[in-house]
PDB file of N, CA and C in Angstrom:
ATOM      1  N   MET A   1       4.264  11.807 -12.718  1.00  0.00           N
ATOM      2  CA  MET A   1       2.939  11.667 -12.145  1.00  0.00           C
ATOM      3  C   MET A   1       1.930  12.220 -13.142  1.00  0.00           C
ATOM      4  N   HIS A   2       0.686  11.730 -13.047  1.00  0.00           N
ATOM      5  CA  HIS A   2      -0.360  12.162 -13.958  1.00  0.00           C
ATOM      6  C   HIS A   2      -0.595  13.655 -13.846  1.00  0.00           C
ATOM      7  N   GLU A   3      -0.899  14.270 -14.976  1.00  0.00           N
ATOM      8  CA  GLU A   3      -1.098  15.710 -15.034  1.00  0.00           C
ATOM      9  C   GLU A   3      -2.587  16.071 -15.007  1.00  0.00           C
ATOM     10  N   HIS A   4      -3.474  15.100 -14.966  1.00  0.00           N
ATOM     11  CA  HIS A   4      -4.914  15.381 -15.015  1.00  0.00           C
ATOM     12  C   HIS A   4      -5.506  15.447 -13.614  1.00  0.00           C
ATOM     13  N   PRO A   5      -6.745  15.914 -13.493  1.00  0.00           N
ATOM     14  CA  PRO A   5      -7.386  15.989 -12.167  1.00  0.00           C
ATOM     15  C   PRO A   5      -7.516  14.605 -11.528  1.00  0.00           C
ATOM     16  N   TRP A   6      -7.635  14.596 -10.214  1.00  0.00           N
ATOM     17  CA  TRP A   6      -7.792  13.346  -9.475  1.00  0.00           C
ATOM     18  C   TRP A   6      -9.068  12.649  -9.947  1.00  0.00           C
ATOM     19  N   PRO A   7      -9.049  11.332 -10.198  1.00  0.00           N
ATOM     20  CA  PRO A   7     -10.228  10.615 -10.671  1.00  0.00           C
ATOM     21  C   PRO A   7     -11.422  10.761  -9.720  1.00  0.00           C
ATOM     22  N   GLU A   8     -12.612  10.870 -10.295  1.00  0.00           N
ATOM     23  CA  GLU A   8     -13.826  11.124  -9.516  1.00  0.00           C
ATOM     24  C   GLU A   8     -14.564   9.868  -9.078  1.00  0.00           C
ATOM     25  N   THR A   9     -14.141   8.700  -9.566  1.00  0.00           N
ATOM     26  CA  THR A   9     -14.777   7.442  -9.176  1.00  0.00           C
ATOM     27  C   THR A   9     -13.700   6.396  -8.907  1.00  0.00           C
ATOM     28  N   ALA A  10     -14.093   5.342  -8.217  1.00  0.00           N
ATOM     29  CA  ALA A  10     -13.155   4.244  -7.956  1.00  0.00           C
ATOM     30  C   ALA A  10     -12.723   3.591  -9.270  1.00  0.00           C
ATOM     31  N   GLU A  11     -13.649   3.417 -10.194  1.00  0.00           N
ATOM     32  CA  GLU A  11     -13.297   2.814 -11.481  1.00  0.00           C
ATOM     33  C   GLU A  11     -12.306   3.695 -12.240  1.00  0.00           C
ATOM     34  N   ALA A  12     -12.522   4.991 -12.243  1.00  0.00           N
ATOM     35  CA  ALA A  12     -11.597   5.898 -12.932  1.00  0.00           C
ATOM     36  C   ALA A  12     -10.212   5.839 -12.287  1.00  0.00           C
ATOM     37  N   LEU A  13     -10.168   5.711 -10.948  1.00  0.00           N
ATOM     38  CA  LEU A  13      -8.872   5.584 -10.285  1.00  0.00           C
ATOM     39  C   LEU A  13      -8.208   4.264 -10.681  1.00  0.00           C
ATOM     40  N   MET A  14      -8.989   3.191 -10.764  1.00  0.00           N
ATOM     41  CA  MET A  14      -8.428   1.898 -11.178  1.00  0.00           C
ATOM     42  C   MET A  14      -7.828   2.009 -12.571  1.00  0.00           C
ATOM     43  N   ARG A  15      -8.540   2.662 -13.474  1.00  0.00           N
ATOM     44  CA  ARG A  15      -8.036   2.830 -14.843  1.00  0.00           C
ATOM     45  C   ARG A  15      -6.744   3.661 -14.853  1.00  0.00           C
ATOM     46  N   SER A  16      -6.687   4.705 -14.027  1.00  0.00           N
ATOM     47  CA  SER A  16      -5.478   5.531 -13.992  1.00  0.00           C
ATOM     48  C   SER A  16      -4.314   4.760 -13.374  1.00  0.00           C
ATOM     49  N   ARG A  17      -4.600   3.892 -12.408  1.00  0.00           N
ATOM     50  CA  ARG A  17      -3.549   3.079 -11.804  1.00  0.00           C
ATOM     51  C   ARG A  17      -3.024   2.049 -12.806  1.00  0.00           C
ATOM     52  N   PHE A  18      -3.906   1.494 -13.627  1.00  0.00           N
ATOM     53  CA  PHE A  18      -3.449   0.569 -14.662  1.00  0.00           C
ATOM     54  C   PHE A  18      -2.518   1.297 -15.633  1.00  0.00           C
ATOM     55  N   ALA A  19      -2.900   2.491 -16.044  1.00  0.00           N
ATOM     56  CA  ALA A  19      -2.043   3.275 -16.943  1.00  0.00           C
ATOM     57  C   ALA A  19      -0.695   3.544 -16.274  1.00  0.00           C
ATOM     58  N   ALA A  20      -0.709   3.813 -14.979  1.00  0.00           N
ATOM     59  CA  ALA A  20       0.537   4.075 -14.253  1.00  0.00           C
ATOM     60  C   ALA A  20       1.410   2.828 -14.190  1.00  0.00           C
ATOM     61  N   VAL A  21       0.810   1.668 -13.973  1.00  0.00           N
ATOM     62  CA  VAL A  21       1.580   0.418 -13.960  1.00  0.00           C
ATOM     63  C   VAL A  21       2.176   0.180 -15.347  1.00  0.00           C
ATOM     64  N   ARG A  22       1.358   0.384 -16.361  1.00  0.00           N
ATOM     65  CA  ARG A  22       1.828   0.188 -17.740  1.00  0.00           C
ATOM     66  C   ARG A  22       2.985   1.129 -18.065  1.00  0.00           C
ATOM     67  N   ASP A  23       2.924   2.369 -17.549  1.00  0.00           N
ATOM     68  CA  ASP A  23       3.956   3.371 -17.826  1.00  0.00           C
ATOM     69  C   ASP A  23       5.070   3.391 -16.782  1.00  0.00           C
ATOM     70  N   ALA A  24       5.033   2.460 -15.824  1.00  0.00           N
ATOM     71  CA  ALA A  24       6.019   2.385 -14.734  1.00  0.00           C
ATOM     72  C   ALA A  24       6.091   3.696 -13.950  1.00  0.00           C
ATOM     73  N   ASP A  25       4.920   4.263 -13.665  1.00  0.00           N
ATOM     74  CA  ASP A  25       4.813   5.528 -12.925  1.00  0.00           C
ATOM     75  C   ASP A  25       4.583   5.220 -11.442  1.00  0.00           C
ATOM     76  N   ALA A  26       5.654   4.869 -10.744  1.00  0.00           N
ATOM     77  CA  ALA A  26       5.543   4.500  -9.329  1.00  0.00           C
ATOM     78  C   ALA A  26       5.051   5.656  -8.483  1.00  0.00           C
ATOM     79  N   ALA A  27       5.372   6.894  -8.861  1.00  0.00           N
ATOM     80  CA  ALA A  27       4.947   8.061  -8.078  1.00  0.00           C
ATOM     81  C   ALA A  27       3.424   8.144  -8.013  1.00  0.00           C
ATOM     82  N   TRP A  28       2.740   7.928  -9.135  1.00  0.00           N
ATOM     83  CA  TRP A  28       1.273   7.992  -9.131  1.00  0.00           C
ATOM     84  C   TRP A  28       0.688   6.809  -8.363  1.00  0.00           C
ATOM     85  N   LEU A  29       1.267   5.636  -8.530  1.00  0.00           N
ATOM     86  CA  LEU A  29       0.766   4.468  -7.800  1.00  0.00           C
ATOM     87  C   LEU A  29       0.840   4.712  -6.298  1.00  0.00           C
ATOM     88  N   LEU A  30       1.954   5.255  -5.824  1.00  0.00           N
ATOM     89  CA  LEU A  30       2.093   5.530  -4.393  1.00  0.00           C
ATOM     90  C   LEU A  30       1.160   6.650  -3.944  1.00  0.00           C
ATOM     91  N   ALA A  31       1.013   7.698  -4.738  1.00  0.00           N
ATOM     92  CA  ALA A  31       0.146   8.826  -4.371  1.00  0.00           C
ATOM     93  C   ALA A  31      -1.316   8.404  -4.281  1.00  0.00           C
ATOM     94  N   SER A  32      -1.729   7.465  -5.133  1.00  0.00           N
ATOM     95  CA  SER A  32      -3.133   7.052  -5.165  1.00  0.00           C
ATOM     96  C   SER A  32      -3.415   5.853  -4.254  1.00  0.00           C
ATOM     97  N   TRP A  33      -2.422   5.406  -3.509  1.00  0.00           N
ATOM     98  CA  TRP A  33      -2.532   4.292  -2.578  1.00  0.00           C
ATOM     99  C   TRP A  33      -2.813   4.861  -1.189  1.00  0.00           C
ATOM    100  N   HIS A  34      -3.794   4.348  -0.499  1.00  0.00           N
ATOM    101  CA  HIS A  34      -4.147   4.878   0.820  1.00  0.00           C
ATOM    102  C   HIS A  34      -2.959   4.723   1.780  1.00  0.00           C
ATOM    103  N   PRO A  35      -2.662   5.761   2.568  1.00  0.00           N
ATOM    104  CA  PRO A  35      -1.512   5.692   3.476  1.00  0.00           C
ATOM    105  C   PRO A  35      -1.540   4.505   4.445  1.00  0.00           C
ATOM    106  N   SER A  36      -2.719   4.005   4.790  1.00  0.00           N
ATOM    107  CA  SER A  36      -2.799   2.902   5.754  1.00  0.00           C
ATOM    108  C   SER A  36      -2.323   1.570   5.180  1.00  0.00           C
ATOM    109  N   THR A  37      -2.278   1.441   3.862  1.00  0.00           N
ATOM    110  CA  THR A  37      -1.857   0.183   3.235  1.00  0.00           C
ATOM    111  C   THR A  37      -0.728   0.377   2.230  1.00  0.00           C
ATOM    112  N   ARG A  38      -0.298   1.591   2.019  1.00  0.00           N
ATOM    113  CA  ARG A  38       0.719   1.923   1.011  1.00  0.00           C
ATOM    114  C   ARG A  38       2.099   1.439   1.453  1.00  0.00           C
ATOM    115  N   PRO A  39       2.833   0.793   0.541  1.00  0.00           N
ATOM    116  CA  PRO A  39       4.217   0.427   0.858  1.00  0.00           C
ATOM    117  C   PRO A  39       5.094   1.675   0.865  1.00  0.00           C
ATOM    118  N   ALA A  40       6.251   1.581   1.469  1.00  0.00           N
ATOM    119  CA  ALA A  40       7.172   2.718   1.532  1.00  0.00           C
ATOM    120  C   ALA A  40       7.715   3.078   0.151  1.00  0.00           C
ATOM    121  N   SER A  41       7.864   2.073  -0.711  1.00  0.00           N
ATOM    122  CA  SER A  41       8.377   2.325  -2.064  1.00  0.00           C
ATOM    123  C   SER A  41       7.896   1.203  -2.986  1.00  0.00           C
ATOM    124  N   LEU A  42       8.034   1.431  -4.270  1.00  0.00           N
ATOM    125  CA  LEU A  42       7.700   0.429  -5.283  1.00  0.00           C
ATOM    126  C   LEU A  42       8.863   0.304  -6.249  1.00  0.00           C
ATOM    127  N   ASP A  43       9.211  -0.912  -6.586  1.00  0.00           N
ATOM    128  CA  ASP A  43      10.227  -1.158  -7.597  1.00  0.00           C
ATOM    129  C   ASP A  43       9.535  -1.822  -8.776  1.00  0.00           C
ATOM    130  N   LEU A  44       9.378  -1.110  -9.858  1.00  0.00           N
ATOM    131  CA  LEU A  44       8.689  -1.637 -11.034  1.00  0.00           C
ATOM    132  C   LEU A  44       9.659  -2.218 -12.060  1.00  0.00           C
ATOM    133  N   THR A  45      10.913  -2.425 -11.651  1.00  0.00           N
ATOM    134  CA  THR A  45      11.892  -3.066 -12.515  1.00  0.00           C
ATOM    135  C   THR A  45      11.406  -4.475 -12.829  1.00  0.00           C
ATOM    136  N   GLY A  46      11.463  -4.842 -14.067  1.00  0.00           N
ATOM    137  CA  GLY A  46      11.026  -6.178 -14.450  1.00  0.00           C
ATOM    138  C   GLY A  46       9.515  -6.300 -14.587  1.00  0.00           C
ATOM    139  N   ASN A  47       8.818  -5.177 -14.500  1.00  0.00           N
ATOM    140  CA  ASN A  47       7.369  -5.147 -14.671  1.00  0.00           C
ATOM    141  C   ASN A  47       7.025  -5.723 -16.047  1.00  0.00           C
ATOM    142  N   PRO A  48       5.999  -6.556 -16.163  1.00  0.00           N
ATOM    143  CA  PRO A  48       5.652  -7.088 -17.483  1.00  0.00           C
ATOM    144  C   PRO A  48       5.121  -5.979 -18.397  1.00  0.00           C
ATOM    145  N   THR A  49       5.018  -6.295 -19.664  1.00  0.00           N
ATOM    146  CA  THR A  49       4.410  -5.379 -20.628  1.00  0.00           C
ATOM    147  C   THR A  49       2.906  -5.577 -20.560  1.00  0.00           C
ATOM    148  N   TRP A  50       2.225  -4.622 -19.939  1.00  0.00           N
ATOM    149  CA  TRP A  50       0.774  -4.702 -19.769  1.00  0.00           C
ATOM    150  C   TRP A  50       0.087  -4.324 -21.064  1.00  0.00           C
ATOM    151  N   ARG A  51      -0.954  -5.063 -21.430  1.00  0.00           N
ATOM    152  CA  ARG A  51      -1.610  -4.874 -22.725  1.00  0.00           C
ATOM    153  C   ARG A  51      -3.016  -4.308 -22.620  1.00  0.00           C
ATOM    154  N   GLY A  52      -3.810  -4.746 -21.684  1.00  0.00           N
ATOM    155  CA  GLY A  52      -5.193  -4.293 -21.666  1.00  0.00           C
ATOM    156  C   GLY A  52      -5.836  -4.451 -20.307  1.00  0.00           C
ATOM    157  N   LEU A  53      -6.899  -3.686 -20.104  1.00  0.00           N
ATOM    158  CA  LEU A  53      -7.653  -3.716 -18.856  1.00  0.00           C
ATOM    159  C   LEU A  53      -9.126  -3.868 -19.177  1.00  0.00           C
ATOM    160  N   GLN A  54      -9.759  -4.820 -18.517  1.00  0.00           N
ATOM    161  CA  GLN A  54     -11.202  -5.028 -18.655  1.00  0.00           C
ATOM    162  C   GLN A  54     -11.812  -4.906 -17.269  1.00  0.00           C
ATOM    163  N   ILE A  55     -12.769  -3.996 -17.114  1.00  0.00           N
ATOM    164  CA  ILE A  55     -13.503  -3.878 -15.860  1.00  0.00           C
ATOM    165  C   ILE A  55     -14.625  -4.914 -15.895  1.00  0.00           C
ATOM    166  N   ILE A  56     -14.645  -5.787 -14.917  1.00  0.00           N
ATOM    167  CA  ILE A  56     -15.625  -6.870 -14.870  1.00  0.00           C
ATOM    168  C   ILE A  56     -16.844  -6.466 -14.050  1.00  0.00           C
ATOM    169  N   ASP A  57     -16.605  -5.790 -12.915  1.00  0.00           N
ATOM    170  CA  ASP A  57     -17.702  -5.449 -12.018  1.00  0.00           C
ATOM    171  C   ASP A  57     -17.296  -4.257 -11.162  1.00  0.00           C
ATOM    172  N   THR A  58     -18.262  -3.439 -10.796  1.00  0.00           N
ATOM    173  CA  THR A  58     -18.054  -2.385  -9.822  1.00  0.00           C
ATOM    174  C   THR A  58     -19.175  -2.452  -8.796  1.00  0.00           C
ATOM    175  N   VAL A  59     -18.841  -2.192  -7.561  1.00  0.00           N
ATOM    176  CA  VAL A  59     -19.817  -2.106  -6.475  1.00  0.00           C
ATOM    177  C   VAL A  59     -19.600  -0.742  -5.833  1.00  0.00           C
ATOM    178  N   ALA A  60     -20.602   0.120  -5.950  1.00  0.00           N
ATOM    179  CA  ALA A  60     -20.507   1.490  -5.453  1.00  0.00           C
ATOM    180  C   ALA A  60     -19.298   2.157  -6.113  1.00  0.00           C
ATOM    181  N   GLY A  61     -18.625   3.057  -5.403  1.00  0.00           N
ATOM    182  CA  GLY A  61     -17.452   3.709  -5.953  1.00  0.00           C
ATOM    183  C   GLY A  61     -17.747   4.904  -6.835  1.00  0.00           C
ATOM    184  N   GLY A  62     -18.995   5.400  -6.784  1.00  0.00           N
ATOM    185  CA  GLY A  62     -19.358   6.552  -7.602  1.00  0.00           C
ATOM    186  C   GLY A  62     -19.010   7.872  -6.924  1.00  0.00           C
ATOM    187  N   PRO A  63     -19.305   8.978  -7.584  1.00  0.00           N
ATOM    188  CA  PRO A  63     -18.960  10.300  -7.056  1.00  0.00           C
ATOM    189  C   PRO A  63     -19.581  10.611  -5.691  1.00  0.00           C
ATOM    190  N   ASP A  64     -20.701   9.956  -5.353  1.00  0.00           N
ATOM    191  CA  ASP A  64     -21.366  10.215  -4.074  1.00  0.00           C
ATOM    192  C   ASP A  64     -21.117   9.133  -3.033  1.00  0.00           C
ATOM    193  N   ASP A  65     -20.277   8.152  -3.346  1.00  0.00           N
ATOM    194  CA  ASP A  65     -19.984   7.056  -2.426  1.00  0.00           C
ATOM    195  C   ASP A  65     -18.680   7.324  -1.679  1.00  0.00           C
ATOM    196  N   ASN A  66     -18.487   6.607  -0.584  1.00  0.00           N
ATOM    197  CA  ASN A  66     -17.234   6.709   0.170  1.00  0.00           C
ATOM    198  C   ASN A  66     -16.386   5.454   0.084  1.00  0.00           C
ATOM    199  N   THR A  67     -16.962   4.366  -0.409  1.00  0.00           N
ATOM    200  CA  THR A  67     -16.224   3.122  -0.613  1.00  0.00           C
ATOM    201  C   THR A  67     -16.627   2.534  -1.955  1.00  0.00           C
ATOM    202  N   GLY A  68     -15.787   1.673  -2.469  1.00  0.00           N
ATOM    203  CA  GLY A  68     -16.096   1.018  -3.728  1.00  0.00           C
ATOM    204  C   GLY A  68     -15.218  -0.195  -3.939  1.00  0.00           C
ATOM    205  N   ILE A  69     -15.697  -1.059  -4.803  1.00  0.00           N
ATOM    206  CA  ILE A  69     -14.956  -2.248  -5.212  1.00  0.00           C
ATOM    207  C   ILE A  69     -14.954  -2.272  -6.728  1.00  0.00           C
ATOM    208  N   VAL A  70     -13.802  -2.562  -7.293  1.00  0.00           N
ATOM    209  CA  VAL A  70     -13.676  -2.697  -8.741  1.00  0.00           C
ATOM    210  C   VAL A  70     -13.000  -4.031  -9.017  1.00  0.00           C
ATOM    211  N   GLU A  71     -13.686  -4.871  -9.764  1.00  0.00           N
ATOM    212  CA  GLU A  71     -13.082  -6.130 -10.203  1.00  0.00           C
ATOM    213  C   GLU A  71     -12.605  -5.942 -11.631  1.00  0.00           C
ATOM    214  N   PHE A  72     -11.373  -6.351 -11.887  1.00  0.00           N
ATOM    215  CA  PHE A  72     -10.798  -6.164 -13.211  1.00  0.00           C
ATOM    216  C   PHE A  72     -10.014  -7.390 -13.639  1.00  0.00           C
ATOM    217  N   ARG A  73      -9.757  -7.421 -14.934  1.00  0.00           N
ATOM    218  CA  ARG A  73      -8.885  -8.427 -15.534  1.00  0.00           C
ATOM    219  C   ARG A  73      -7.886  -7.653 -16.393  1.00  0.00           C
ATOM    220  N   ALA A  74      -6.600  -7.826 -16.121  1.00  0.00           N
ATOM    221  CA  ALA A  74      -5.551  -7.158 -16.887  1.00  0.00           C
ATOM    222  C   ALA A  74      -4.713  -8.214 -17.599  1.00  0.00           C
ATOM    223  N   THR A  75      -4.348  -7.910 -18.825  1.00  0.00           N
ATOM    224  CA  THR A  75      -3.533  -8.845 -19.597  1.00  0.00           C
ATOM    225  C   THR A  75      -2.136  -8.269 -19.796  1.00  0.00           C
ATOM    226  N   TYR A  76      -1.164  -9.170 -19.880  1.00  0.00           N
ATOM    227  CA  TYR A  76       0.228  -8.777 -20.062  1.00  0.00           C
ATOM    228  C   TYR A  76       0.938  -9.814 -20.912  1.00  0.00           C
ATOM    229  N   LEU A  77       2.034  -9.393 -21.523  1.00  0.00           N
ATOM    230  CA  LEU A  77       2.819 -10.302 -22.350  1.00  0.00           C
ATOM    231  C   LEU A  77       3.734 -11.132 -21.465  1.00  0.00           C
ATOM    232  N   VAL A  78       3.789 -12.419 -21.759  1.00  0.00           N
ATOM    233  CA  VAL A  78       4.642 -13.352 -21.025  1.00  0.00           C
ATOM    234  C   VAL A  78       5.949 -13.487 -21.808  1.00  0.00           C
ATOM    235  N   PRO A  79       7.101 -13.382 -21.112  1.00  0.00           N
ATOM    236  CA  PRO A  79       8.371 -13.563 -21.817  1.00  0.00           C
ATOM    237  C   PRO A  79       8.388 -14.888 -22.574  1.00  0.00           C
ATOM    238  N   GLY A  80       8.837 -14.861 -23.804  1.00  0.00           N
ATOM    239  CA  GLY A  80       8.878 -16.065 -24.617  1.00  0.00           C
ATOM    240  C   GLY A  80       7.617 -16.271 -25.427  1.00  0.00           C
ATOM    241  N   GLY A  81       6.651 -15.404 -25.260  1.00  0.00           N
ATOM    242  CA  GLY A  81       5.412 -15.503 -26.031  1.00  0.00           C
ATOM    243  C   GLY A  81       4.218 -15.842 -25.163  1.00  0.00           C
ATOM    244  N   GLY A  82       3.090 -15.436 -25.594  1.00  0.00           N
ATOM    245  CA  GLY A  82       1.862 -15.708 -24.870  1.00  0.00           C
ATOM    246  C   GLY A  82       1.377 -14.508 -24.069  1.00  0.00           C
ATOM    247  N   VAL A  83       0.221 -14.692 -23.484  1.00  0.00           N
ATOM    248  CA  VAL A  83      -0.433 -13.630 -22.722  1.00  0.00           C
ATOM    249  C   VAL A  83      -0.803 -14.165 -21.346  1.00  0.00           C
ATOM    250  N   GLY A  84      -0.499 -13.388 -20.316  1.00  0.00           N
ATOM    251  CA  GLY A  84      -0.899 -13.722 -18.960  1.00  0.00           C
ATOM    252  C   GLY A  84      -2.082 -12.866 -18.549  1.00  0.00           C
ATOM    253  N   VAL A  85      -2.775 -13.292 -17.507  1.00  0.00           N
ATOM    254  CA  VAL A  85      -3.944 -12.573 -17.016  1.00  0.00           C
ATOM    255  C   VAL A  85      -3.846 -12.417 -15.505  1.00  0.00           C
ATOM    256  N   GLN A  86      -4.112 -11.211 -15.035  1.00  0.00           N
ATOM    257  CA  GLN A  86      -4.237 -10.960 -13.603  1.00  0.00           C
ATOM    258  C   GLN A  86      -5.662 -10.491 -13.359  1.00  0.00           C
ATOM    259  N   GLN A  87      -6.369 -11.192 -12.498  1.00  0.00           N
ATOM    260  CA  GLN A  87      -7.731 -10.801 -12.134  1.00  0.00           C
ATOM    261  C   GLN A  87      -7.753 -10.496 -10.651  1.00  0.00           C
ATOM    262  N   GLU A  88      -8.439  -9.404 -10.297  1.00  0.00           N
ATOM    263  CA  GLU A  88      -8.416  -8.942  -8.910  1.00  0.00           C
ATOM    264  C   GLU A  88      -9.685  -8.159  -8.602  1.00  0.00           C
ATOM    265  N   ARG A  89     -10.123  -8.249  -7.350  1.00  0.00           N
ATOM    266  CA  ARG A  89     -11.170  -7.368  -6.825  1.00  0.00           C
ATOM    267  C   ARG A  89     -10.472  -6.410  -5.876  1.00  0.00           C
ATOM    268  N   SER A  90     -10.503  -5.139  -6.213  1.00  0.00           N
ATOM    269  CA  SER A  90      -9.784  -4.121  -5.455  1.00  0.00           C
ATOM    270  C   SER A  90     -10.748  -3.269  -4.650  1.00  0.00           C
ATOM    271  N   ARG A  91     -10.299  -2.880  -3.445  1.00  0.00           N
ATOM    272  CA  ARG A  91     -11.094  -2.017  -2.566  1.00  0.00           C
ATOM    273  C   ARG A  91     -10.571  -0.584  -2.657  1.00  0.00           C
ATOM    274  N   PHE A  92     -11.496   0.354  -2.623  1.00  0.00           N
ATOM    275  CA  PHE A  92     -11.169   1.767  -2.689  1.00  0.00           C
ATOM    276  C   PHE A  92     -11.942   2.522  -1.620  1.00  0.00           C
ATOM    277  N   VAL A  93     -11.376   3.635  -1.181  1.00  0.00           N
ATOM    278  CA  VAL A  93     -12.036   4.488  -0.201  1.00  0.00           C
ATOM    279  C   VAL A  93     -11.875   5.935  -0.673  1.00  0.00           C
ATOM    280  N   ARG A  94     -12.918   6.731  -0.423  1.00  0.00           N
ATOM    281  CA  ARG A  94     -12.837   8.153  -0.756  1.00  0.00           C
ATOM    282  C   ARG A  94     -12.696   8.933   0.531  1.00  0.00           C
ATOM    283  N   GLU A  95     -11.694   9.783   0.584  1.00  0.00           N
ATOM    284  CA  GLU A  95     -11.496  10.681   1.713  1.00  0.00           C
ATOM    285  C   GLU A  95     -11.447  12.091   1.159  1.00  0.00           C
ATOM    286  N   GLY A  96     -12.337  12.946   1.671  1.00  0.00           N
ATOM    287  CA  GLY A  96     -12.458  14.274   1.081  1.00  0.00           C
ATOM    288  C   GLY A  96     -12.951  14.107  -0.340  1.00  0.00           C
ATOM    289  N   SER A  97     -12.257  14.661  -1.274  1.00  0.00           N
ATOM    290  CA  SER A  97     -12.659  14.547  -2.679  1.00  0.00           C
ATOM    291  C   SER A  97     -11.808  13.545  -3.451  1.00  0.00           C
ATOM    292  N   ARG A  98     -10.976  12.763  -2.746  1.00  0.00           N
ATOM    293  CA  ARG A  98     -10.045  11.866  -3.429  1.00  0.00           C
ATOM    294  C   ARG A  98     -10.298  10.398  -3.126  1.00  0.00           C
ATOM    295  N   TRP A  99     -10.252   9.601  -4.191  1.00  0.00           N
ATOM    296  CA  TRP A  99     -10.317   8.153  -4.069  1.00  0.00           C
ATOM    297  C   TRP A  99      -8.920   7.608  -3.886  1.00  0.00           C
ATOM    298  N   TYR A 100      -8.822   6.531  -3.062  1.00  0.00           N
ATOM    299  CA  TYR A 100      -7.543   5.868  -2.837  1.00  0.00           C
ATOM    300  C   TYR A 100      -7.729   4.358  -2.955  1.00  0.00           C
ATOM    301  N   TYR A 101      -6.713   3.700  -3.462  1.00  0.00           N
ATOM    302  CA  TYR A 101      -6.661   2.245  -3.512  1.00  0.00           C
ATOM    303  C   TYR A 101      -6.297   1.729  -2.113  1.00  0.00           C
ATOM    304  N   LEU A 102      -7.040   0.728  -1.619  1.00  0.00           N
ATOM    305  CA  LEU A 102      -6.757   0.133  -0.314  1.00  0.00           C
ATOM    306  C   LEU A 102      -6.032  -1.193  -0.434  1.00  0.00           C
ATOM    307  N   GLY A 103      -6.471  -2.037  -1.354  1.00  0.00           N
ATOM    308  CA  GLY A 103      -5.918  -3.369  -1.502  1.00  0.00           C
ATOM    309  C   GLY A 103      -6.952  -4.288  -2.133  1.00  0.00           C
ATOM    310  N   THR A 104      -6.688  -5.580  -2.042  1.00  0.00           N
ATOM    311  CA  THR A 104      -7.606  -6.549  -2.628  1.00  0.00           C
ATOM    312  C   THR A 104      -8.643  -7.000  -1.605  1.00  0.00           C
ATOM    313  N   VAL A 105      -9.749  -7.462  -2.131  1.00  0.00           N
ATOM    314  CA  VAL A 105     -10.855  -7.962  -1.301  1.00  0.00           C
ATOM    315  C   VAL A 105     -10.520  -9.350  -0.832  1.00  0.00           C
TER     316      VAL A 105
END
């Protein structure tokens, strides 16, 4: 699991979750996933090789907000050559001082 402080914005949490996916850190992904939508477990076996993350848009999600949306585009290597792209608009909620991933919009 990540050794740094909990991210202070929805975008920072999205970036930390991307790093966790890239590093196959299922513990951090589950910890940062809101309990109301979190799966019981994650199997990252066969996870693609993630290459980059581009934040396209953010709606709220700052240190003084309680909800936020982060739209991103992530690239990964496709077996046999080439690059794939995953684009998503993700919802986040802040409870107390912690941001959590809820799911897609």
